């Protein structure tokens, strides 16, 4: 079960795509988008990562640090970053410790078969380390808009129009 808004985000230490140690508490004083996703280089996860990549400057402008996390290895993360030119870090949670703390390692089912896997959930964490939003129904192709359209006044209306949703605004003739 996902964590609730208003709770302190559980601290963790893991490694990124380069094997560098990353502690969530090291981001205190910054807003963090911590997005859990199932697997590198799969269609939905690629769409989500590329939407965040394409809007990374808008997220940074609003003071967000973006961290993706899955159960994939550092090596797989490195390949994914290189292939998709991702500007943010991907965290390896191969032992599922962080997933367990955040309630994202869950039972799933497909075609009647039950199995354990990652729930696609994004936690928006404020500067004090509290969870300010939980996005459980992630729209992979428009995830940045979901993050920046949160109820808090993080984005001026004129700036919302600048978010790249991946949809073409040209009319076909």
N, C-alpha and C. Protein backbone atom coordinates (compact mmCIF):
# COMPACT_ATOMS: atom_id res chain seq x y z
N UNK A 1 0.84 -1.18 0.00
CA UNK A 1 0.00 0.00 0.00
C UNK A 1 0.88 1.25 0.00
N UNK A 2 0.52 2.21 -0.85
CA UNK A 2 1.30 3.44 -0.98
C UNK A 2 1.27 4.25 0.31
N UNK A 3 2.30 5.04 0.50
CA UNK A 3 2.37 5.94 1.66
C UNK A 3 1.41 7.10 1.46
N UNK A 4 1.09 7.80 2.54
CA UNK A 4 0.11 8.88 2.50
C UNK A 4 0.76 10.26 2.46
N UNK A 5 0.01 11.21 1.90
CA UNK A 5 0.41 12.61 1.90
C UNK A 5 0.55 13.07 3.35
N UNK A 6 1.58 13.86 3.62
CA UNK A 6 1.79 14.40 4.96
C UNK A 6 2.75 13.59 5.82
N UNK A 7 3.05 12.36 5.41
CA UNK A 7 4.00 11.55 6.18
C UNK A 7 5.42 11.88 5.72
N UNK A 8 6.37 11.66 6.61
CA UNK A 8 7.77 11.84 6.26
C UNK A 8 8.18 10.71 5.32
N UNK A 9 8.81 11.08 4.21
CA UNK A 9 9.27 10.07 3.25
C UNK A 9 10.36 9.23 3.91
N UNK A 10 10.22 7.91 3.89
CA UNK A 10 11.24 7.07 4.51
C UNK A 10 12.61 7.30 3.86
N UNK A 11 13.62 7.48 4.70
CA UNK A 11 14.97 7.67 4.19
C UNK A 11 15.48 6.34 3.65
N UNK A 12 16.38 6.42 2.71
CA UNK A 12 17.01 5.21 2.16
C UNK A 12 18.37 5.58 1.60
N UNK A 13 19.18 4.57 1.45
CA UNK A 13 20.47 4.69 0.78
C UNK A 13 20.53 3.59 -0.25
N UNK A 14 20.84 3.95 -1.48
CA UNK A 14 21.01 2.98 -2.56
C UNK A 14 22.03 3.55 -3.53
N UNK A 15 22.16 2.97 -4.70
CA UNK A 15 23.13 3.46 -5.67
C UNK A 15 22.44 3.88 -6.96
N UNK A 16 23.11 4.78 -7.68
CA UNK A 16 22.57 5.20 -8.97
C UNK A 16 23.23 4.41 -10.09
N UNK A 17 22.98 4.83 -11.32
CA UNK A 17 23.48 4.13 -12.51
C UNK A 17 25.00 4.06 -12.58
N UNK A 18 25.70 4.90 -11.84
CA UNK A 18 27.16 4.90 -11.84
C UNK A 18 27.75 4.21 -10.61
N UNK A 19 26.88 3.67 -9.75
CA UNK A 19 27.36 3.03 -8.53
C UNK A 19 27.59 4.02 -7.40
N UNK A 20 27.20 5.29 -7.62
CA UNK A 20 27.36 6.32 -6.60
C UNK A 20 26.25 6.20 -5.57
N UNK A 21 26.63 6.26 -4.30
CA UNK A 21 25.65 6.16 -3.21
C UNK A 21 24.72 7.38 -3.21
N UNK A 22 23.44 7.11 -3.05
CA UNK A 22 22.43 8.17 -3.01
C UNK A 22 21.59 7.97 -1.75
N UNK A 23 21.48 9.04 -0.94
CA UNK A 23 20.63 9.03 0.26
C UNK A 23 19.52 10.04 0.04
N UNK A 24 18.29 9.65 0.28
CA UNK A 24 17.18 10.59 0.13
C UNK A 24 17.37 11.80 1.04
N UNK A 25 17.84 11.58 2.26
CA UNK A 25 18.02 12.69 3.20
C UNK A 25 19.03 13.72 2.69
N UNK A 26 19.86 13.34 1.73
CA UNK A 26 20.81 14.26 1.13
C UNK A 26 20.14 15.32 0.26
N UNK A 27 18.85 15.14 0.00
CA UNK A 27 18.10 16.09 -0.83
C UNK A 27 17.25 17.04 0.01
N UNK A 28 17.38 17.00 1.34
CA UNK A 28 16.61 17.92 2.19
C UNK A 28 16.90 19.34 1.74
N UNK A 29 15.86 20.16 1.71
CA UNK A 29 16.00 21.52 1.22
C UNK A 29 15.64 21.64 -0.25
N UNK A 30 15.42 20.49 -0.92
CA UNK A 30 15.00 20.47 -2.32
C UNK A 30 13.71 19.67 -2.43
N UNK A 31 12.94 19.98 -3.46
CA UNK A 31 11.76 19.17 -3.77
C UNK A 31 12.21 18.00 -4.63
N UNK A 32 11.64 16.83 -4.37
CA UNK A 32 12.06 15.62 -5.09
C UNK A 32 10.85 14.95 -5.72
N UNK A 33 11.01 14.57 -6.98
CA UNK A 33 10.06 13.70 -7.67
C UNK A 33 10.71 12.32 -7.63
N UNK A 34 10.16 11.42 -6.84
CA UNK A 34 10.67 10.06 -6.72
C UNK A 34 9.67 9.16 -7.43
N UNK A 35 10.04 8.71 -8.62
CA UNK A 35 9.09 7.91 -9.39
C UNK A 35 9.55 6.46 -9.49
N UNK A 36 8.65 5.58 -9.09
CA UNK A 36 8.87 4.14 -9.14
C UNK A 36 8.30 3.63 -10.45
N UNK A 37 9.09 2.83 -11.16
CA UNK A 37 8.63 2.28 -12.44
C UNK A 37 9.09 0.84 -12.55
N UNK A 38 8.35 0.02 -13.33
CA UNK A 38 8.65 -1.41 -13.37
C UNK A 38 9.96 -1.85 -14.01
N UNK A 39 10.30 -1.34 -15.21
CA UNK A 39 11.47 -1.93 -15.89
C UNK A 39 12.03 -1.00 -16.96
N UNK A 40 13.36 -0.91 -16.96
CA UNK A 40 14.05 -0.12 -17.98
C UNK A 40 13.74 -0.64 -19.38
N UNK A 41 13.65 0.30 -20.31
CA UNK A 41 13.54 0.02 -21.75
C UNK A 41 12.27 -0.73 -22.16
N UNK A 42 11.22 -0.64 -21.37
CA UNK A 42 9.93 -1.17 -21.77
C UNK A 42 9.07 0.00 -22.25
N UNK A 43 8.04 -0.23 -23.07
CA UNK A 43 7.31 0.88 -23.68
C UNK A 43 6.75 1.92 -22.70
N UNK A 44 6.04 1.49 -21.67
CA UNK A 44 5.45 2.44 -20.72
C UNK A 44 6.50 3.19 -19.91
N UNK A 45 7.52 2.48 -19.49
CA UNK A 45 8.59 3.10 -18.68
C UNK A 45 9.41 4.06 -19.52
N UNK A 46 9.61 3.73 -20.79
CA UNK A 46 10.33 4.63 -21.69
C UNK A 46 9.51 5.88 -21.94
N UNK A 47 8.20 5.73 -22.16
CA UNK A 47 7.33 6.90 -22.38
C UNK A 47 7.38 7.83 -21.17
N UNK A 48 7.32 7.26 -19.98
CA UNK A 48 7.34 8.06 -18.75
C UNK A 48 8.68 8.78 -18.60
N UNK A 49 9.77 8.05 -18.76
CA UNK A 49 11.11 8.65 -18.61
C UNK A 49 11.34 9.74 -19.66
N UNK A 50 10.90 9.50 -20.90
CA UNK A 50 11.12 10.49 -21.95
C UNK A 50 10.25 11.73 -21.75
N UNK A 51 9.05 11.56 -21.19
CA UNK A 51 8.23 12.73 -20.89
C UNK A 51 8.91 13.57 -19.81
N UNK A 52 9.46 12.94 -18.80
CA UNK A 52 10.19 13.68 -17.76
C UNK A 52 11.45 14.31 -18.35
N UNK A 53 12.13 13.60 -19.23
CA UNK A 53 13.33 14.14 -19.90
C UNK A 53 12.97 15.39 -20.72
N UNK A 54 11.91 15.29 -21.52
CA UNK A 54 11.53 16.40 -22.40
C UNK A 54 11.08 17.63 -21.63
N UNK A 55 10.69 17.46 -20.38
CA UNK A 55 10.21 18.57 -19.55
C UNK A 55 11.10 18.82 -18.34
N UNK A 56 12.31 18.29 -18.39
CA UNK A 56 13.22 18.37 -17.26
C UNK A 56 13.51 19.81 -16.85
N UNK A 57 13.68 20.69 -17.83
CA UNK A 57 13.98 22.09 -17.50
C UNK A 57 12.81 22.74 -16.77
N UNK A 58 11.57 22.42 -17.15
CA UNK A 58 10.39 22.97 -16.46
C UNK A 58 10.35 22.46 -15.02
N UNK A 59 10.70 21.20 -14.82
CA UNK A 59 10.73 20.63 -13.47
C UNK A 59 11.83 21.30 -12.64
N UNK A 60 13.00 21.48 -13.24
CA UNK A 60 14.10 22.14 -12.52
C UNK A 60 13.74 23.58 -12.19
N UNK A 61 13.08 24.24 -13.11
CA UNK A 61 12.69 25.64 -12.90
C UNK A 61 11.78 25.77 -11.68
N UNK A 62 11.00 24.73 -11.41
CA UNK A 62 10.12 24.73 -10.25
C UNK A 62 10.81 24.16 -9.01
N UNK A 63 12.11 23.84 -9.13
CA UNK A 63 12.89 23.41 -7.99
C UNK A 63 12.89 21.92 -7.71
N UNK A 64 12.47 21.11 -8.69
CA UNK A 64 12.40 19.67 -8.49
C UNK A 64 13.67 18.96 -8.90
N UNK A 65 14.05 17.97 -8.10
CA UNK A 65 15.09 17.01 -8.43
C UNK A 65 14.35 15.74 -8.80
N UNK A 66 14.68 15.12 -9.93
CA UNK A 66 13.98 13.92 -10.40
C UNK A 66 14.85 12.70 -10.14
N UNK A 67 14.25 11.68 -9.51
CA UNK A 67 14.92 10.41 -9.28
C UNK A 67 13.99 9.29 -9.69
N UNK A 68 14.42 8.47 -10.64
CA UNK A 68 13.66 7.28 -11.01
C UNK A 68 14.23 6.10 -10.25
N UNK A 69 13.36 5.14 -9.92
CA UNK A 69 13.84 3.96 -9.17
C UNK A 69 13.09 2.72 -9.63
N UNK A 70 13.86 1.66 -9.87
CA UNK A 70 13.28 0.36 -10.22
C UNK A 70 14.16 -0.73 -9.62
N UNK A 71 13.77 -1.97 -9.85
CA UNK A 71 14.55 -3.09 -9.33
C UNK A 71 15.65 -3.50 -10.30
N UNK A 72 15.82 -2.75 -11.39
CA UNK A 72 16.88 -3.05 -12.36
C UNK A 72 18.25 -2.72 -11.77
N UNK A 73 19.29 -3.26 -12.40
CA UNK A 73 20.67 -3.07 -11.95
C UNK A 73 21.22 -1.72 -12.40
N UNK A 74 22.35 -1.35 -11.81
CA UNK A 74 23.05 -0.13 -12.20
C UNK A 74 23.40 -0.17 -13.69
N UNK A 75 23.86 -1.32 -14.14
CA UNK A 75 24.28 -1.50 -15.54
C UNK A 75 23.10 -1.27 -16.49
N UNK A 76 21.95 -1.83 -16.17
CA UNK A 76 20.76 -1.66 -17.01
C UNK A 76 20.33 -0.19 -17.01
N UNK A 77 20.39 0.44 -15.84
CA UNK A 77 20.06 1.87 -15.75
C UNK A 77 20.99 2.70 -16.64
N UNK A 78 22.28 2.39 -16.61
CA UNK A 78 23.26 3.14 -17.42
C UNK A 78 22.89 3.03 -18.90
N UNK A 79 22.55 1.83 -19.37
CA UNK A 79 22.17 1.63 -20.77
C UNK A 79 20.91 2.42 -21.12
N UNK A 80 19.93 2.41 -20.22
CA UNK A 80 18.67 3.13 -20.42
C UNK A 80 18.93 4.63 -20.52
N UNK A 81 19.76 5.16 -19.64
CA UNK A 81 20.10 6.59 -19.65
C UNK A 81 20.80 6.96 -20.95
N UNK A 82 21.75 6.13 -21.36
CA UNK A 82 22.49 6.42 -22.59
C UNK A 82 21.59 6.34 -23.81
N UNK A 83 20.74 5.32 -23.87
CA UNK A 83 19.86 5.14 -25.03
C UNK A 83 18.86 6.29 -25.16
N UNK A 84 18.27 6.70 -24.04
CA UNK A 84 17.21 7.72 -24.08
C UNK A 84 17.69 9.12 -23.72
N UNK A 85 19.00 9.25 -23.45
CA UNK A 85 19.60 10.55 -23.10
C UNK A 85 18.87 11.21 -21.91
N UNK A 86 18.70 10.43 -20.86
CA UNK A 86 18.01 10.92 -19.67
C UNK A 86 18.94 11.80 -18.85
N UNK A 87 18.48 12.99 -18.43
CA UNK A 87 19.33 13.91 -17.68
C UNK A 87 19.29 13.73 -16.16
N UNK A 88 18.53 12.77 -15.68
CA UNK A 88 18.38 12.58 -14.24
C UNK A 88 18.88 11.19 -13.85
N UNK A 89 19.03 10.99 -12.55
CA UNK A 89 19.56 9.74 -12.02
C UNK A 89 18.49 8.66 -11.94
N UNK A 90 18.93 7.43 -12.15
CA UNK A 90 18.09 6.26 -11.94
C UNK A 90 18.71 5.44 -10.82
N UNK A 91 17.89 5.06 -9.86
CA UNK A 91 18.38 4.36 -8.68
C UNK A 91 18.08 2.87 -8.77
N UNK A 92 19.06 2.08 -8.36
CA UNK A 92 18.94 0.62 -8.38
C UNK A 92 18.46 0.13 -7.01
N UNK A 93 17.39 -0.62 -7.03
CA UNK A 93 16.85 -1.22 -5.79
C UNK A 93 16.66 -2.71 -6.04
N UNK A 94 17.75 -3.38 -6.35
CA UNK A 94 17.69 -4.79 -6.73
C UNK A 94 17.19 -5.70 -5.61
N UNK A 95 17.41 -5.29 -4.36
CA UNK A 95 16.93 -6.11 -3.24
C UNK A 95 15.54 -5.69 -2.76
N UNK A 96 14.95 -4.70 -3.44
CA UNK A 96 13.57 -4.24 -3.18
C UNK A 96 13.36 -3.60 -1.80
N UNK A 97 14.44 -3.19 -1.15
CA UNK A 97 14.33 -2.57 0.17
C UNK A 97 13.54 -1.27 0.11
N UNK A 98 13.87 -0.41 -0.86
CA UNK A 98 13.18 0.88 -0.98
C UNK A 98 11.74 0.66 -1.43
N UNK A 99 11.55 -0.24 -2.36
CA UNK A 99 10.19 -0.56 -2.82
C UNK A 99 9.31 -1.00 -1.64
N UNK A 100 9.86 -1.81 -0.77
CA UNK A 100 9.11 -2.29 0.39
C UNK A 100 8.75 -1.12 1.32
N UNK A 101 9.71 -0.23 1.58
CA UNK A 101 9.44 0.92 2.44
C UNK A 101 8.34 1.82 1.89
N UNK A 102 8.27 1.93 0.56
CA UNK A 102 7.32 2.84 -0.08
C UNK A 102 6.03 2.15 -0.55
N UNK A 103 5.93 0.86 -0.28
CA UNK A 103 4.70 0.15 -0.64
C UNK A 103 4.51 -0.03 -2.13
N UNK A 104 5.62 -0.11 -2.88
CA UNK A 104 5.51 -0.22 -4.33
C UNK A 104 5.86 -1.62 -4.86
N UNK A 105 6.23 -2.53 -3.98
CA UNK A 105 6.45 -3.93 -4.38
C UNK A 105 5.17 -4.66 -4.04
N UNK A 106 4.36 -4.95 -5.05
CA UNK A 106 2.99 -5.41 -4.82
C UNK A 106 2.65 -6.63 -5.66
N UNK A 107 1.57 -7.29 -5.27
CA UNK A 107 1.06 -8.39 -6.07
C UNK A 107 0.29 -7.81 -7.24
N UNK A 108 0.60 -8.32 -8.42
CA UNK A 108 -0.07 -7.89 -9.64
C UNK A 108 -0.67 -9.14 -10.30
N UNK A 109 -1.49 -8.91 -11.30
CA UNK A 109 -1.99 -10.07 -12.05
C UNK A 109 -2.14 -9.69 -13.52
N UNK A 110 -1.80 -10.66 -14.37
CA UNK A 110 -1.94 -10.48 -15.81
C UNK A 110 -2.39 -11.80 -16.40
N UNK A 111 -3.46 -11.75 -17.16
CA UNK A 111 -4.02 -12.95 -17.78
C UNK A 111 -4.29 -14.04 -16.74
N UNK A 112 -4.74 -13.62 -15.56
CA UNK A 112 -5.09 -14.55 -14.50
C UNK A 112 -3.90 -15.05 -13.68
N UNK A 113 -2.70 -14.70 -14.08
CA UNK A 113 -1.50 -15.14 -13.35
C UNK A 113 -1.10 -14.06 -12.36
N UNK A 114 -0.87 -14.44 -11.11
CA UNK A 114 -0.46 -13.50 -10.08
C UNK A 114 1.06 -13.56 -9.93
N UNK A 115 1.64 -12.38 -9.73
CA UNK A 115 3.09 -12.28 -9.55
C UNK A 115 3.39 -10.99 -8.80
N UNK A 116 4.62 -10.86 -8.31
CA UNK A 116 5.05 -9.66 -7.61
C UNK A 116 5.75 -8.73 -8.60
N UNK A 117 5.49 -7.43 -8.44
CA UNK A 117 6.11 -6.46 -9.34
C UNK A 117 6.01 -5.06 -8.77
N UNK A 118 6.56 -4.12 -9.50
CA UNK A 118 6.58 -2.71 -9.08
C UNK A 118 5.30 -2.01 -9.48
N UNK A 119 4.68 -1.33 -8.51
CA UNK A 119 3.55 -0.46 -8.79
C UNK A 119 4.11 0.86 -9.30
N UNK A 120 3.57 1.34 -10.40
CA UNK A 120 4.03 2.61 -10.96
C UNK A 120 3.40 3.74 -10.13
N UNK A 121 4.19 4.29 -9.23
CA UNK A 121 3.72 5.34 -8.32
C UNK A 121 4.78 6.43 -8.24
N UNK A 122 4.35 7.66 -8.18
CA UNK A 122 5.27 8.79 -8.01
C UNK A 122 4.97 9.49 -6.70
N UNK A 123 6.02 9.74 -5.94
CA UNK A 123 5.92 10.51 -4.70
C UNK A 123 6.58 11.86 -4.94
N UNK A 124 5.86 12.92 -4.63
CA UNK A 124 6.43 14.26 -4.67
C UNK A 124 6.74 14.61 -3.21
N UNK A 125 8.00 14.91 -2.96
CA UNK A 125 8.49 15.13 -1.59
C UNK A 125 8.92 16.58 -1.46
N UNK A 126 8.47 17.25 -0.40
CA UNK A 126 8.80 18.67 -0.23
C UNK A 126 10.19 18.85 0.38
N UNK A 127 10.57 20.10 0.55
CA UNK A 127 11.91 20.44 1.04
C UNK A 127 12.19 19.91 2.44
N UNK A 128 11.14 19.69 3.23
CA UNK A 128 11.31 19.19 4.59
C UNK A 128 11.31 17.66 4.65
N UNK A 129 11.15 17.02 3.50
CA UNK A 129 11.16 15.55 3.47
C UNK A 129 9.80 14.93 3.66
N UNK A 130 8.73 15.74 3.59
CA UNK A 130 7.36 15.21 3.71
C UNK A 130 6.80 14.92 2.33
N UNK A 131 5.98 13.88 2.28
CA UNK A 131 5.31 13.55 1.03
C UNK A 131 4.18 14.56 0.83
N UNK A 132 4.29 15.33 -0.26
CA UNK A 132 3.27 16.36 -0.53
C UNK A 132 2.21 15.87 -1.51
N UNK A 133 2.55 14.90 -2.34
CA UNK A 133 1.58 14.31 -3.28
C UNK A 133 1.97 12.88 -3.58
N UNK A 134 0.96 12.07 -3.85
CA UNK A 134 1.16 10.69 -4.29
C UNK A 134 0.36 10.54 -5.58
N UNK A 135 1.04 10.17 -6.66
CA UNK A 135 0.36 9.96 -7.94
C UNK A 135 0.35 8.46 -8.20
N UNK A 136 -0.83 7.86 -8.04
CA UNK A 136 -0.96 6.42 -8.22
C UNK A 136 -1.45 6.04 -9.60
N UNK A 137 -2.13 6.94 -10.27
CA UNK A 137 -2.59 6.67 -11.64
C UNK A 137 -1.73 7.50 -12.58
N UNK A 138 -0.55 6.98 -12.87
CA UNK A 138 0.42 7.70 -13.67
C UNK A 138 0.04 7.62 -15.15
N UNK A 139 0.01 8.77 -15.79
CA UNK A 139 -0.18 8.87 -17.24
C UNK A 139 1.24 8.97 -17.81
N UNK A 140 1.76 7.88 -18.33
CA UNK A 140 3.17 7.83 -18.71
C UNK A 140 3.54 8.87 -19.77
N UNK A 141 2.64 9.18 -20.66
CA UNK A 141 2.96 10.12 -21.74
C UNK A 141 2.78 11.58 -21.31
N UNK A 142 2.15 11.81 -20.18
CA UNK A 142 1.89 13.18 -19.70
C UNK A 142 2.22 13.34 -18.22
N UNK A 143 3.23 12.64 -17.77
CA UNK A 143 3.50 12.60 -16.34
C UNK A 143 3.95 13.95 -15.78
N UNK A 144 4.72 14.70 -16.54
CA UNK A 144 5.16 16.01 -16.05
C UNK A 144 3.96 16.90 -15.77
N UNK A 145 2.97 16.88 -16.65
CA UNK A 145 1.76 17.69 -16.43
C UNK A 145 1.08 17.26 -15.14
N UNK A 146 1.04 15.97 -14.86
CA UNK A 146 0.45 15.50 -13.59
C UNK A 146 1.21 16.08 -12.40
N UNK A 147 2.52 16.10 -12.48
CA UNK A 147 3.34 16.60 -11.38
C UNK A 147 3.16 18.11 -11.22
N UNK A 148 3.25 18.84 -12.30
CA UNK A 148 3.20 20.30 -12.24
C UNK A 148 1.79 20.86 -12.09
N UNK A 149 0.78 20.05 -12.34
CA UNK A 149 -0.61 20.50 -12.18
C UNK A 149 -1.17 20.16 -10.82
N UNK A 150 -0.30 19.85 -9.88
CA UNK A 150 -0.75 19.51 -8.53
C UNK A 150 -1.46 20.71 -7.91
N UNK A 151 -2.31 20.47 -6.92
CA UNK A 151 -3.09 21.55 -6.32
C UNK A 151 -2.28 22.71 -5.76
N UNK A 152 -1.05 22.47 -5.35
CA UNK A 152 -0.25 23.56 -4.81
C UNK A 152 0.11 24.53 -5.93
N UNK A 153 0.31 25.79 -5.61
CA UNK A 153 0.58 26.78 -6.65
C UNK A 153 2.03 26.74 -7.13
N UNK A 154 2.45 25.60 -7.68
CA UNK A 154 3.85 25.47 -8.08
C UNK A 154 4.11 26.02 -9.48
N UNK A 155 3.09 26.18 -10.28
CA UNK A 155 3.29 26.59 -11.66
C UNK A 155 2.26 27.62 -12.06
N UNK A 156 2.72 28.73 -12.59
CA UNK A 156 1.81 29.76 -13.06
C UNK A 156 1.09 29.25 -14.30
N UNK A 157 -0.15 29.70 -14.50
CA UNK A 157 -0.94 29.23 -15.63
C UNK A 157 -0.22 29.44 -16.96
N UNK A 158 0.44 30.58 -17.15
CA UNK A 158 1.11 30.83 -18.42
C UNK A 158 2.22 29.81 -18.66
N UNK A 159 2.88 29.30 -17.59
CA UNK A 159 3.94 28.32 -17.75
C UNK A 159 3.39 26.91 -18.01
N UNK A 160 2.16 26.64 -17.60
CA UNK A 160 1.58 25.31 -17.84
C UNK A 160 1.46 25.01 -19.32
N UNK A 161 1.25 26.03 -20.12
CA UNK A 161 1.10 25.84 -21.56
C UNK A 161 2.41 25.40 -22.20
N UNK A 162 3.53 25.61 -21.53
CA UNK A 162 4.83 25.29 -22.09
C UNK A 162 5.24 23.83 -21.89
N UNK A 163 4.46 23.08 -21.14
CA UNK A 163 4.82 21.69 -20.85
C UNK A 163 4.67 20.85 -22.12
N UNK A 164 5.68 20.09 -22.44
CA UNK A 164 5.69 19.24 -23.62
C UNK A 164 4.99 17.92 -23.28
N UNK A 165 3.80 17.72 -23.81
CA UNK A 165 3.05 16.50 -23.52
C UNK A 165 3.29 15.43 -24.57
N UNK A 166 4.08 15.77 -25.59
CA UNK A 166 4.34 14.79 -26.62
C UNK A 166 3.26 14.79 -27.69
N UNK A 167 2.21 15.58 -27.52
CA UNK A 167 1.13 15.66 -28.49
C UNK A 167 1.45 16.79 -29.45
N UNK A 168 1.23 16.56 -30.70
CA UNK A 168 1.47 17.59 -31.71
C UNK A 168 0.32 18.60 -31.69
N UNK A 169 0.68 19.88 -31.79
CA UNK A 169 -0.35 20.90 -31.81
C UNK A 169 -0.72 21.28 -33.24
N UNK A 170 -0.04 20.66 -34.23
CA UNK A 170 -0.35 20.96 -35.62
C UNK A 170 -1.60 20.23 -36.04
N UNK A 171 -2.40 20.91 -36.86
CA UNK A 171 -3.61 20.28 -37.40
C UNK A 171 -3.24 19.62 -38.73
N UNK A 172 -3.76 18.44 -38.94
CA UNK A 172 -3.50 17.78 -40.20
C UNK A 172 -4.54 18.22 -41.22
N UNK A 173 -4.11 18.39 -42.48
CA UNK A 173 -5.06 18.86 -43.50
C UNK A 173 -5.56 17.75 -44.37
